[in-house]
Amino acid sequence: MLFGSEPKAILANSLAELAMDADGLRRTLSFIPDPGSTVFRGMREYGPATSSA
C-alpha cells in the first residue's frame, strides 16, 4: 500500500503502475460524483481525517 498527497508522489514509486481506469475517467469527464474515485486504476482518494483499515 502506497500513500501520497497527490498522484505524482505515488506514481514516482517503482511499485506503482500507471494505468488508466476507464470508469473513473468517464465519471470525471461527465461530472458524475463518486467519492474516492480517480482516473488511475487501483488508486483511491481519501478525504481529510479519513482512516483506511
Protein backbone atom coordinates (compact mmCIF):
# COMPACT_ATOMS: atom_id res chain seq x y z
CA MET A 1 0.00 0.00 0.00
CA LEU A 2 1.39 3.39 -1.00
CA PHE A 3 0.36 6.79 0.29
CA GLY A 4 0.96 10.26 -1.14
CA SER A 5 -0.60 13.70 -1.09
CA GLU A 6 -1.01 13.66 -4.87
CA PRO A 7 -0.88 11.03 -7.65
CA LYS A 8 2.58 12.01 -8.89
CA ALA A 9 4.04 11.17 -5.46
CA ILE A 10 2.61 7.65 -5.67
CA LEU A 11 3.48 7.16 -9.34
CA ALA A 12 7.11 8.14 -8.64
CA ASN A 13 7.49 4.87 -6.70
CA SER A 14 8.64 1.86 -8.74
CA LEU A 15 5.91 -0.29 -7.12
CA ALA A 16 3.15 1.86 -8.65
CA GLU A 17 1.79 1.05 -12.10
CA LEU A 18 0.49 3.84 -14.33
CA ALA A 19 -2.78 2.58 -15.81
CA MET A 20 -5.95 4.50 -16.60
CA ASP A 21 -9.30 3.45 -15.14
CA ALA A 22 -11.87 3.88 -17.92
CA ASP A 23 -14.81 4.12 -15.48
CA GLY A 24 -13.00 6.69 -13.34
CA LEU A 25 -12.13 8.74 -16.41
CA ARG A 26 -15.74 8.59 -17.62
CA ARG A 27 -17.07 9.74 -14.24
CA THR A 28 -14.55 12.57 -14.06
CA LEU A 29 -15.29 13.85 -17.57
CA SER A 30 -19.07 13.60 -17.12
CA PHE A 31 -19.01 15.26 -13.66
CA ILE A 32 -20.73 12.27 -12.03
CA PRO A 33 -19.72 12.39 -8.35
CA ASP A 34 -18.08 9.26 -6.99
CA PRO A 35 -16.20 9.98 -3.76
CA GLY A 36 -12.77 8.40 -3.76
CA SER A 37 -12.72 7.57 -7.46
CA THR A 38 -9.70 8.56 -9.58
CA VAL A 39 -8.69 8.19 -13.22
CA PHE A 40 -5.86 5.82 -12.19
CA ARG A 41 -6.52 2.09 -11.84
CA GLY A 42 -6.02 0.83 -8.30
CA MET A 43 -5.76 4.32 -6.79
CA ARG A 44 -8.36 5.73 -4.39
CA GLU A 45 -8.69 9.21 -2.93
CA TYR A 46 -9.30 9.66 0.80
CA GLY A 47 -10.66 12.83 2.34
CA PRO A 48 -9.18 14.65 5.33
CA ALA A 49 -9.29 12.75 8.64
CA THR A 50 -10.28 9.50 6.88
CA SER A 51 -8.89 6.17 8.03
CA SER A 52 -8.27 3.08 5.95
CA ALA A 53 -8.26 -0.34 7.54
